[in-house]
PDB file of N, CA and C in Angstrom:
ATOM      1  N   MET A   1     156.901 281.828  94.127  1.00  0.00           N
ATOM      2  CA  MET A   1     156.337 280.486  94.268  1.00  0.00           C
ATOM      3  C   MET A   1     155.265 280.544  95.352  1.00  0.00           C
ATOM      4  N   ILE A   2     154.072 280.122  94.986  1.00  0.00           N
ATOM      5  CA  ILE A   2     152.964 280.075  95.939  1.00  0.00           C
ATOM      6  C   ILE A   2     152.909 278.667  96.529  1.00  0.00           C
ATOM      7  N   ILE A   3     152.851 278.590  97.853  1.00  0.00           N
ATOM      8  CA  ILE A   3     152.798 277.309  98.560  1.00  0.00           C
ATOM      9  C   ILE A   3     151.548 277.323  99.427  1.00  0.00           C
ATOM     10  N   VAL A   4     150.638 276.368  99.197  1.00  0.00           N
ATOM     11  CA  VAL A   4     149.411 276.300  99.998  1.00  0.00           C
ATOM     12  C   VAL A   4     149.104 274.852 100.383  1.00  0.00           C
ATOM     13  N   ASN A   5     148.344 274.709 101.453  1.00  0.00           N
ATOM     14  CA  ASN A   5     147.936 273.356 101.867  1.00  0.00           C
ATOM     15  C   ASN A   5     146.503 273.054 101.445  1.00  0.00           C
ATOM     16  N   THR A   6     145.991 273.829 100.506  1.00  0.00           N
ATOM     17  CA  THR A   6     144.647 273.624  99.967  1.00  0.00           C
ATOM     18  C   THR A   6     144.736 273.123  98.531  1.00  0.00           C
ATOM     19  N   GLU A   7     143.613 272.657  97.998  1.00  0.00           N
ATOM     20  CA  GLU A   7     143.595 272.135  96.629  1.00  0.00           C
ATOM     21  C   GLU A   7     143.585 273.239  95.583  1.00  0.00           C
ATOM     22  N   THR A   8     143.154 274.416  95.970  1.00  0.00           N
ATOM     23  CA  THR A   8     143.061 275.541  95.050  1.00  0.00           C
ATOM     24  C   THR A   8     143.740 276.757  95.661  1.00  0.00           C
ATOM     25  N   ILE A   9     143.952 277.771  94.810  1.00  0.00           N
ATOM     26  CA  ILE A   9     144.519 279.034  95.271  1.00  0.00           C
ATOM     27  C   ILE A   9     143.489 280.114  94.960  1.00  0.00           C
ATOM     28  N   PRO A  10     142.953 280.776  95.969  1.00  0.00           N
ATOM     29  CA  PRO A  10     141.934 281.797  95.727  1.00  0.00           C
ATOM     30  C   PRO A  10     142.412 282.839  94.711  1.00  0.00           C
ATOM     31  N   GLY A  11     141.564 283.098  93.711  1.00  0.00           N
ATOM     32  CA  GLY A  11     141.881 284.101  92.703  1.00  0.00           C
ATOM     33  C   GLY A  11     142.801 283.624  91.598  1.00  0.00           C
ATOM     34  N   LYS A  12     143.225 282.367  91.652  1.00  0.00           N
ATOM     35  CA  LYS A  12     144.126 281.808  90.633  1.00  0.00           C
ATOM     36  C   LYS A  12     143.482 280.582  90.012  1.00  0.00           C
ATOM     37  N   LYS A  13     143.815 280.336  88.741  1.00  0.00           N
ATOM     38  CA  LYS A  13     143.309 279.152  88.066  1.00  0.00           C
ATOM     39  C   LYS A  13     144.486 278.247  87.708  1.00  0.00           C
ATOM     40  N   ILE A  14     144.372 276.985  88.104  1.00  0.00           N
ATOM     41  CA  ILE A  14     145.408 275.996  87.788  1.00  0.00           C
ATOM     42  C   ILE A  14     145.202 275.555  86.343  1.00  0.00           C
ATOM     43  N   SER A  15     146.244 275.722  85.538  1.00  0.00           N
ATOM     44  CA  SER A  15     146.142 275.355  84.123  1.00  0.00           C
ATOM     45  C   SER A  15     146.759 273.994  83.822  1.00  0.00           C
ATOM     46  N   GLN A  16     147.677 273.555  84.674  1.00  0.00           N
ATOM     47  CA  GLN A  16     148.348 272.279  84.420  1.00  0.00           C
ATOM     48  C   GLN A  16     148.875 271.702  85.731  1.00  0.00           C
ATOM     49  N   THR A  17     148.710 270.402  85.882  1.00  0.00           N
ATOM     50  CA  THR A  17     149.282 269.692  87.022  1.00  0.00           C
ATOM     51  C   THR A  17     150.581 269.042  86.560  1.00  0.00           C
ATOM     52  N   LEU A  18     151.654 269.298  87.283  1.00  0.00           N
ATOM     53  CA  LEU A  18     152.970 268.796  86.892  1.00  0.00           C
ATOM     54  C   LEU A  18     153.393 267.541  87.642  1.00  0.00           C
ATOM     55  N   GLY A  19     152.695 267.221  88.720  1.00  0.00           N
ATOM     56  CA  GLY A  19     153.009 266.019  89.491  1.00  0.00           C
ATOM     57  C   GLY A  19     153.457 266.330  90.906  1.00  0.00           C
ATOM     58  N   ILE A  20     153.788 265.277  91.604  1.00  0.00           N
ATOM     59  CA  ILE A  20     154.200 265.395  93.008  1.00  0.00           C
ATOM     60  C   ILE A  20     155.642 265.894  93.084  1.00  0.00           C
ATOM     61  N   VAL A  21     155.858 266.827  93.998  1.00  0.00           N
ATOM     62  CA  VAL A  21     157.214 267.289  94.309  1.00  0.00           C
ATOM     63  C   VAL A  21     157.439 267.056  95.792  1.00  0.00           C
ATOM     64  N   LYS A  22     158.699 266.887  96.159  1.00  0.00           N
ATOM     65  CA  LYS A  22     158.996 266.572  97.554  1.00  0.00           C
ATOM     66  C   LYS A  22     160.363 267.092  97.938  1.00  0.00           C
ATOM     67  N   GLY A  23     160.567 267.171  99.214  1.00  0.00           N
ATOM     68  CA  GLY A  23     161.862 267.505  99.782  1.00  0.00           C
ATOM     69  C   GLY A  23     161.939 266.864 101.151  1.00  0.00           C
ATOM     70  N   ASN A  24     163.089 266.321 101.489  1.00  0.00           N
ATOM     71  CA  ASN A  24     163.210 265.712 102.809  1.00  0.00           C
ATOM     72  C   ASN A  24     164.546 266.065 103.438  1.00  0.00           C
ATOM     73  N   ALA A  25     164.603 265.891 104.732  1.00  0.00           N
ATOM     74  CA  ALA A  25     165.829 266.123 105.494  1.00  0.00           C
ATOM     75  C   ALA A  25     165.801 265.219 106.713  1.00  0.00           C
ATOM     76  N   ILE A  26     166.974 264.743 107.085  1.00  0.00           N
ATOM     77  CA  ILE A  26     167.127 263.925 108.292  1.00  0.00           C
ATOM     78  C   ILE A  26     168.119 264.650 109.185  1.00  0.00           C
ATOM     79  N   ARG A  27     167.721 264.882 110.411  1.00  0.00           N
ATOM     80  CA  ARG A  27     168.578 265.602 111.341  1.00  0.00           C
ATOM     81  C   ARG A  27     168.678 264.852 112.658  1.00  0.00           C
ATOM     82  N   ALA A  28     169.795 265.047 113.323  1.00  0.00           N
ATOM     83  CA  ALA A  28     170.014 264.459 114.652  1.00  0.00           C
ATOM     84  C   ALA A  28     170.571 265.536 115.572  1.00  0.00           C
ATOM     85  N   LYS A  29     170.262 265.429 116.827  1.00  0.00           N
ATOM     86  CA  LYS A  29     170.781 266.363 117.819  1.00  0.00           C
ATOM     87  C   LYS A  29     172.114 265.861 118.362  1.00  0.00           C
ATOM     88  N   HIS A  30     172.904 266.796 118.812  1.00  0.00           N
ATOM     89  CA  HIS A  30     174.187 266.502 119.456  1.00  0.00           C
ATOM     90  C   HIS A  30     173.943 265.707 120.733  1.00  0.00           C
ATOM     91  N   ILE A  31     174.819 264.786 121.055  1.00  0.00           N
ATOM     92  CA  ILE A  31     174.649 263.913 122.224  1.00  0.00           C
ATOM     93  C   ILE A  31     174.450 264.707 123.516  1.00  0.00           C
ATOM     94  N   GLY A  32     175.124 265.839 123.655  1.00  0.00           N
ATOM     95  CA  GLY A  32     174.965 266.662 124.857  1.00  0.00           C
ATOM     96  C   GLY A  32     173.551 267.195 124.983  1.00  0.00           C
ATOM     97  N   LYS A  33     173.003 267.684 123.879  1.00  0.00           N
ATOM     98  CA  LYS A  33     171.634 268.192 123.904  1.00  0.00           C
ATOM     99  C   LYS A  33     170.646 267.052 124.075  1.00  0.00           C
ATOM    100  N   ASP A  34     170.986 265.870 123.583  1.00  0.00           N
ATOM    101  CA  ASP A  34     170.124 264.701 123.752  1.00  0.00           C
ATOM    102  C   ASP A  34     170.033 264.333 125.232  1.00  0.00           C
ATOM    103  N   ILE A  35     171.127 264.434 125.940  1.00  0.00           N
ATOM    104  CA  ILE A  35     171.143 264.140 127.381  1.00  0.00           C
ATOM    105  C   ILE A  35     170.287 265.160 128.135  1.00  0.00           C
ATOM    106  N   VAL A  36     170.440 266.444 127.787  1.00  0.00           N
ATOM    107  CA  VAL A  36     169.643 267.498 128.428  1.00  0.00           C
ATOM    108  C   VAL A  36     168.159 267.255 128.179  1.00  0.00           C
ATOM    109  N   ALA A  37     167.805 266.914 126.937  1.00  0.00           N
ATOM    110  CA  ALA A  37     166.396 266.645 126.607  1.00  0.00           C
ATOM    111  C   ALA A  37     165.895 265.436 127.385  1.00  0.00           C
ATOM    112  N   GLY A  38     166.729 264.412 127.543  1.00  0.00           N
ATOM    113  CA  GLY A  38     166.342 263.230 128.309  1.00  0.00           C
ATOM    114  C   GLY A  38     166.057 263.564 129.754  1.00  0.00           C
ATOM    115  N   LEU A  39     166.877 264.416 130.347  1.00  0.00           N
ATOM    116  CA  LEU A  39     166.650 264.841 131.736  1.00  0.00           C
ATOM    117  C   LEU A  39     165.369 265.663 131.851  1.00  0.00           C
ATOM    118  N   ARG A  40     165.137 266.537 130.871  1.00  0.00           N
ATOM    119  CA  ARG A  40     163.924 267.352 130.894  1.00  0.00           C
ATOM    120  C   ARG A  40     162.693 266.471 130.739  1.00  0.00           C
ATOM    121  N   ASN A  41     162.823 265.392 130.001  1.00  0.00           N
ATOM    122  CA  ASN A  41     161.718 264.457 129.804  1.00  0.00           C
ATOM    123  C   ASN A  41     161.307 263.824 131.137  1.00  0.00           C
ATOM    124  N   ILE A  42     162.264 263.615 132.014  1.00  0.00           N
ATOM    125  CA  ILE A  42     161.990 263.009 133.325  1.00  0.00           C
ATOM    126  C   ILE A  42     161.196 263.967 134.214  1.00  0.00           C
ATOM    127  N   VAL A  43     161.584 265.252 134.222  1.00  0.00           N
ATOM    128  CA  VAL A  43     160.952 266.211 135.120  1.00  0.00           C
ATOM    129  C   VAL A  43     159.773 266.947 134.475  1.00  0.00           C
ATOM    130  N   GLY A  44     159.633 266.826 133.183  1.00  0.00           N
ATOM    131  CA  GLY A  44     158.517 267.472 132.482  1.00  0.00           C
ATOM    132  C   GLY A  44     158.928 268.774 131.835  1.00  0.00           C
ATOM    133  N   GLY A  45     158.092 269.229 130.936  1.00  0.00           N
ATOM    134  CA  GLY A  45     158.355 270.476 130.231  1.00  0.00           C
ATOM    135  C   GLY A  45     158.624 270.235 128.757  1.00  0.00           C
ATOM    136  N   GLU A  46     158.646 271.325 128.017  1.00  0.00           N
ATOM    137  CA  GLU A  46     158.886 271.233 126.579  1.00  0.00           C
ATOM    138  C   GLU A  46     160.324 270.830 126.308  1.00  0.00           C
ATOM    139  N   LEU A  47     160.495 269.937 125.355  1.00  0.00           N
ATOM    140  CA  LEU A  47     161.828 269.512 124.935  1.00  0.00           C
ATOM    141  C   LEU A  47     162.277 270.458 123.828  1.00  0.00           C
ATOM    142  N   THR A  48     162.753 271.636 124.241  1.00  0.00           N
ATOM    143  CA  THR A  48     163.066 272.693 123.284  1.00  0.00           C
ATOM    144  C   THR A  48     164.143 272.279 122.281  1.00  0.00           C
ATOM    145  N   GLU A  49     165.035 271.385 122.688  1.00  0.00           N
ATOM    146  CA  GLU A  49     166.080 270.918 121.769  1.00  0.00           C
ATOM    147  C   GLU A  49     165.460 270.212 120.570  1.00  0.00           C
ATOM    148  N   TYR A  50     164.429 269.419 120.814  1.00  0.00           N
ATOM    149  CA  TYR A  50     163.764 268.694 119.723  1.00  0.00           C
ATOM    150  C   TYR A  50     162.812 269.599 118.954  1.00  0.00           C
ATOM    151  N   THR A  51     162.178 270.543 119.638  1.00  0.00           N
ATOM    152  CA  THR A  51     161.320 271.506 118.956  1.00  0.00           C
ATOM    153  C   THR A  51     162.132 272.279 117.927  1.00  0.00           C
ATOM    154  N   GLN A  52     163.296 272.748 118.344  1.00  0.00           N
ATOM    155  CA  GLN A  52     164.171 273.503 117.449  1.00  0.00           C
ATOM    156  C   GLN A  52     164.662 272.618 116.298  1.00  0.00           C
ATOM    157  N   MET A  53     165.056 271.388 116.606  1.00  0.00           N
ATOM    158  CA  MET A  53     165.547 270.480 115.575  1.00  0.00           C
ATOM    159  C   MET A  53     164.479 270.240 114.512  1.00  0.00           C
ATOM    160  N   LEU A  54     163.243 269.964 114.938  1.00  0.00           N
ATOM    161  CA  LEU A  54     162.178 269.694 113.972  1.00  0.00           C
ATOM    162  C   LEU A  54     161.789 270.942 113.187  1.00  0.00           C
ATOM    163  N   SER A  55     161.819 272.097 113.825  1.00  0.00           N
ATOM    164  CA  SER A  55     161.500 273.340 113.129  1.00  0.00           C
ATOM    165  C   SER A  55     162.522 273.621 112.029  1.00  0.00           C
ATOM    166  N   GLU A  56     163.799 273.470 112.358  1.00  0.00           N
ATOM    167  CA  GLU A  56     164.857 273.679 111.365  1.00  0.00           C
ATOM    168  C   GLU A  56     164.760 272.652 110.237  1.00  0.00           C
ATOM    169  N   THR A  57     164.484 271.417 110.588  1.00  0.00           N
ATOM    170  CA  THR A  57     164.383 270.350 109.600  1.00  0.00           C
ATOM    171  C   THR A  57     163.185 270.561 108.684  1.00  0.00           C
ATOM    172  N   ARG A  58     162.077 271.009 109.247  1.00  0.00           N
ATOM    173  CA  ARG A  58     160.874 271.301 108.449  1.00  0.00           C
ATOM    174  C   ARG A  58     161.186 272.363 107.402  1.00  0.00           C
ATOM    175  N   GLU A  59     161.908 273.411 107.787  1.00  0.00           N
ATOM    176  CA  GLU A  59     162.254 274.480 106.851  1.00  0.00           C
ATOM    177  C   GLU A  59     163.184 273.978 105.744  1.00  0.00           C
ATOM    178  N   ILE A  60     164.143 273.139 106.082  1.00  0.00           N
ATOM    179  CA  ILE A  60     165.036 272.564 105.070  1.00  0.00           C
ATOM    180  C   ILE A  60     164.240 271.721 104.081  1.00  0.00           C
ATOM    181  N   ALA A  61     163.361 270.868 104.592  1.00  0.00           N
ATOM    182  CA  ALA A  61     162.545 270.012 103.728  1.00  0.00           C
ATOM    183  C   ALA A  61     161.647 270.858 102.821  1.00  0.00           C
ATOM    184  N   LEU A  62     161.053 271.922 103.363  1.00  0.00           N
ATOM    185  CA  LEU A  62     160.193 272.798 102.577  1.00  0.00           C
ATOM    186  C   LEU A  62     160.989 273.473 101.454  1.00  0.00           C
ATOM    187  N   GLN A  63     162.166 273.974 101.766  1.00  0.00           N
ATOM    188  CA  GLN A  63     162.999 274.623 100.749  1.00  0.00           C
ATOM    189  C   GLN A  63     163.422 273.633  99.660  1.00  0.00           C
ATOM    190  N   ARG A  64     163.699 272.396 100.036  1.00  0.00           N
ATOM    191  CA  ARG A  64     164.047 271.376  99.042  1.00  0.00           C
ATOM    192  C   ARG A  64     162.855 271.036  98.156  1.00  0.00           C
ATOM    193  N   MET A  65     161.647 271.023  98.736  1.00  0.00           N
ATOM    194  CA  MET A  65     160.444 270.788  97.942  1.00  0.00           C
ATOM    195  C   MET A  65     160.250 271.931  96.939  1.00  0.00           C
ATOM    196  N   ILE A  66     160.448 273.161  97.384  1.00  0.00           N
ATOM    197  CA  ILE A  66     160.315 274.320  96.503  1.00  0.00           C
ATOM    198  C   ILE A  66     161.333 274.235  95.366  1.00  0.00           C
ATOM    199  N   LYS A  67     162.553 273.870  95.685  1.00  0.00           N
ATOM    200  CA  LYS A  67     163.593 273.712  94.650  1.00  0.00           C
ATOM    201  C   LYS A  67     163.169 272.646  93.633  1.00  0.00           C
ATOM    202  N   ASN A  68     162.601 271.542  94.101  1.00  0.00           N
ATOM    203  CA  ASN A  68     162.111 270.481  93.225  1.00  0.00           C
ATOM    204  C   ASN A  68     160.995 271.025  92.326  1.00  0.00           C
ATOM    205  N   ALA A  69     160.085 271.829  92.896  1.00  0.00           N
ATOM    206  CA  ALA A  69     158.988 272.413  92.121  1.00  0.00           C
ATOM    207  C   ALA A  69     159.528 273.375  91.061  1.00  0.00           C
ATOM    208  N   GLU A  70     160.492 274.179  91.431  1.00  0.00           N
ATOM    209  CA  GLU A  70     161.092 275.105  90.465  1.00  0.00           C
ATOM    210  C   GLU A  70     161.767 274.350  89.320  1.00  0.00           C
ATOM    211  N   SER A  71     162.358 273.208  89.627  1.00  0.00           N
ATOM    212  CA  SER A  71     163.065 272.437  88.592  1.00  0.00           C
ATOM    213  C   SER A  71     162.125 271.849  87.546  1.00  0.00           C
ATOM    214  N   VAL A  72     160.834 271.700  87.889  1.00  0.00           N
ATOM    215  CA  VAL A  72     159.869 271.198  86.908  1.00  0.00           C
ATOM    216  C   VAL A  72     159.041 272.332  86.308  1.00  0.00           C
ATOM    217  N   GLY A  73     159.382 273.580  86.638  1.00  0.00           N
ATOM    218  CA  GLY A  73     158.714 274.736  86.060  1.00  0.00           C
ATOM    219  C   GLY A  73     157.407 275.129  86.706  1.00  0.00           C
ATOM    220  N   ALA A  74     157.213 274.761  87.957  1.00  0.00           N
ATOM    221  CA  ALA A  74     155.953 275.065  88.646  1.00  0.00           C
ATOM    222  C   ALA A  74     155.863 276.533  89.039  1.00  0.00           C
ATOM    223  N   ASP A  75     154.630 277.026  89.067  1.00  0.00           N
ATOM    224  CA  ASP A  75     154.342 278.361  89.590  1.00  0.00           C
ATOM    225  C   ASP A  75     153.905 278.287  91.050  1.00  0.00           C
ATOM    226  N   ALA A  76     153.409 277.111  91.443  1.00  0.00           N
ATOM    227  CA  ALA A  76     152.877 276.939  92.792  1.00  0.00           C
ATOM    228  C   ALA A  76     152.903 275.460  93.172  1.00  0.00           C
ATOM    229  N   VAL A  77     152.741 275.217  94.466  1.00  0.00           N
ATOM    230  CA  VAL A  77     152.575 273.858  94.978  1.00  0.00           C
ATOM    231  C   VAL A  77     151.322 273.868  95.843  1.00  0.00           C
ATOM    232  N   VAL A  78     150.381 272.996  95.513  1.00  0.00           N
ATOM    233  CA  VAL A  78     149.131 272.893  96.265  1.00  0.00           C
ATOM    234  C   VAL A  78     149.118 271.593  97.065  1.00  0.00           C
ATOM    235  N   ASN A  79     148.205 271.518  98.019  1.00  0.00           N
ATOM    236  CA  ASN A  79     148.058 270.326  98.871  1.00  0.00           C
ATOM    237  C   ASN A  79     149.355 269.959  99.595  1.00  0.00           C
ATOM    238  N   VAL A  80     150.063 270.953 100.089  1.00  0.00           N
ATOM    239  CA  VAL A  80     151.334 270.694 100.767  1.00  0.00           C
ATOM    240  C   VAL A  80     151.074 270.006 102.100  1.00  0.00           C
ATOM    241  N   ARG A  81     151.849 268.978 102.359  1.00  0.00           N
ATOM    242  CA  ARG A  81     151.751 268.199 103.601  1.00  0.00           C
ATOM    243  C   ARG A  81     153.152 267.941 104.142  1.00  0.00           C
ATOM    244  N   PHE A  82     153.214 267.617 105.423  1.00  0.00           N
ATOM    245  CA  PHE A  82     154.460 267.234 106.075  1.00  0.00           C
ATOM    246  C   PHE A  82     154.275 265.872 106.719  1.00  0.00           C
ATOM    247  N   ALA A  83     155.311 265.064 106.670  1.00  0.00           N
ATOM    248  CA  ALA A  83     155.308 263.767 107.352  1.00  0.00           C
ATOM    249  C   ALA A  83     156.626 263.646 108.110  1.00  0.00           C
ATOM    250  N   THR A  84     156.560 263.060 109.275  1.00  0.00           N
ATOM    251  CA  THR A  84     157.744 262.888 110.116  1.00  0.00           C
ATOM    252  C   THR A  84     157.891 261.423 110.490  1.00  0.00           C
ATOM    253  N   SER A  85     159.125 260.958 110.515  1.00  0.00           N
ATOM    254  CA  SER A  85     159.373 259.599 110.982  1.00  0.00           C
ATOM    255  C   SER A  85     160.679 259.570 111.763  1.00  0.00           C
ATOM    256  N   GLN A  86     160.721 258.720 112.756  1.00  0.00           N
ATOM    257  CA  GLN A  86     161.936 258.564 113.551  1.00  0.00           C
ATOM    258  C   GLN A  86     162.836 257.574 112.837  1.00  0.00           C
ATOM    259  N   ILE A  87     164.064 257.965 112.581  1.00  0.00           N
ATOM    260  CA  ILE A  87     165.039 257.114 111.919  1.00  0.00           C
ATOM    261  C   ILE A  87     165.782 256.273 112.962  1.00  0.00           C
ATOM    262  N   MET A  88     166.165 256.923 114.048  1.00  0.00           N
ATOM    263  CA  MET A  88     166.828 256.277 115.186  1.00  0.00           C
ATOM    264  C   MET A  88     166.648 257.203 116.376  1.00  0.00           C
ATOM    265  N   ALA A  89     167.041 256.785 117.538  1.00  0.00           N
ATOM    266  CA  ALA A  89     166.893 257.634 118.724  1.00  0.00           C
ATOM    267  C   ALA A  89     167.608 258.962 118.502  1.00  0.00           C
ATOM    268  N   GLY A  90     166.864 260.062 118.640  1.00  0.00           N
ATOM    269  CA  GLY A  90     167.459 261.379 118.489  1.00  0.00           C
ATOM    270  C   GLY A  90     167.591 261.866 117.061  1.00  0.00           C
ATOM    271  N   ALA A  91     167.105 261.096 116.082  1.00  0.00           N
ATOM    272  CA  ALA A  91     167.184 261.515 114.681  1.00  0.00           C
ATOM    273  C   ALA A  91     165.816 261.343 114.026  1.00  0.00           C
ATOM    274  N   ALA A  92     165.428 262.331 113.246  1.00  0.00           N
ATOM    275  CA  ALA A  92     164.121 262.285 112.599  1.00  0.00           C
ATOM    276  C   ALA A  92     164.233 262.721 111.144  1.00  0.00           C
ATOM    277  N   GLU A  93     163.373 262.131 110.319  1.00  0.00           N
ATOM    278  CA  GLU A  93     163.238 262.563 108.931  1.00  0.00           C
ATOM    279  C   GLU A  93     161.970 263.386 108.831  1.00  0.00           C
ATOM    280  N   LEU A  94     162.046 264.471 108.106  1.00  0.00           N
ATOM    281  CA  LEU A  94     160.869 265.265 107.824  1.00  0.00           C
ATOM    282  C   LEU A  94     160.732 265.355 106.316  1.00  0.00           C
ATOM    283  N   LEU A  95     159.547 265.025 105.821  1.00  0.00           N
ATOM    284  CA  LEU A  95     159.250 265.037 104.394  1.00  0.00           C
ATOM    285  C   LEU A  95     158.185 266.089 104.127  1.00  0.00           C
ATOM    286  N   ALA A  96     158.451 266.978 103.170  1.00  0.00           N
ATOM    287  CA  ALA A  96     157.457 267.952 102.694  1.00  0.00           C
ATOM    288  C   ALA A  96     157.096 267.534 101.278  1.00  0.00           C
ATOM    289  N   TYR A  97     155.786 267.476 100.986  1.00  0.00           N
ATOM    290  CA  TYR A  97     155.376 267.077  99.641  1.00  0.00           C
ATOM    291  C   TYR A  97     154.083 267.763  99.256  1.00  0.00           C
ATOM    292  N   GLY A  98     153.873 267.860  97.945  1.00  0.00           N
ATOM    293  CA  GLY A  98     152.671 268.489  97.433  1.00  0.00           C
ATOM    294  C   GLY A  98     152.600 268.293  95.926  1.00  0.00           C
ATOM    295  N   THR A  99     151.621 268.936  95.299  1.00  0.00           N
ATOM    296  CA  THR A  99     151.413 268.822  93.869  1.00  0.00           C
ATOM    297  C   THR A  99     151.855 270.106  93.191  1.00  0.00           C
ATOM    298  N   ALA A 100     152.830 269.994  92.281  1.00  0.00           N
ATOM    299  CA  ALA A 100     153.321 271.144  91.534  1.00  0.00           C
ATOM    300  C   ALA A 100     152.330 271.471  90.419  1.00  0.00           C
ATOM    301  N   VAL A 101     152.050 272.768  90.250  1.00  0.00           N
ATOM    302  CA  VAL A 101     151.087 273.192  89.231  1.00  0.00           C
ATOM    303  C   VAL A 101     151.586 274.422  88.490  1.00  0.00           C
ATOM    304  N   LYS A 102     151.038 274.619  87.294  1.00  0.00           N
ATOM    305  CA  LYS A 102     151.214 275.849  86.529  1.00  0.00           C
ATOM    306  C   LYS A 102     149.927 276.647  86.680  1.00  0.00           C
ATOM    307  N   LEU A 103     150.039 277.968  86.753  1.00  0.00           N
ATOM    308  CA  LEU A 103     148.892 278.839  86.876  1.00  0.00           C
ATOM    309  C   LEU A 103     148.688 279.628  85.590  1.00  0.00           C
ATOM    310  N   GLU A 104     147.435 280.004  85.341  1.00  0.00           N
ATOM    311  CA  GLU A 104     147.132 280.863  84.180  1.00  0.00           C
ATOM    312  C   GLU A 104     147.570 282.267  84.450  1.00  0.00           C
TER     313      GLU A 104
END
């Protein structure tokens, strides 16, 4: 499965557009790590607890998008994008979406 954030794939020709595919995940950090991140926010520095949470969530959302693309028979997904939204304090949704296509 080819995944790109561009409209085309160099050296490949898109023969059919199958539609939008997506995958999402909502994750929350443990209250203990939330407290540590809150303290770090006061003194400054990277909030590694949230960096890790979003990185893991992004990968889950991407894999779910790929599974969705495979279920419609896609060879690739073009124009891949990510969107993030806060659901509640310490919890975020990450959405991966793009256009599933067939290649020649």
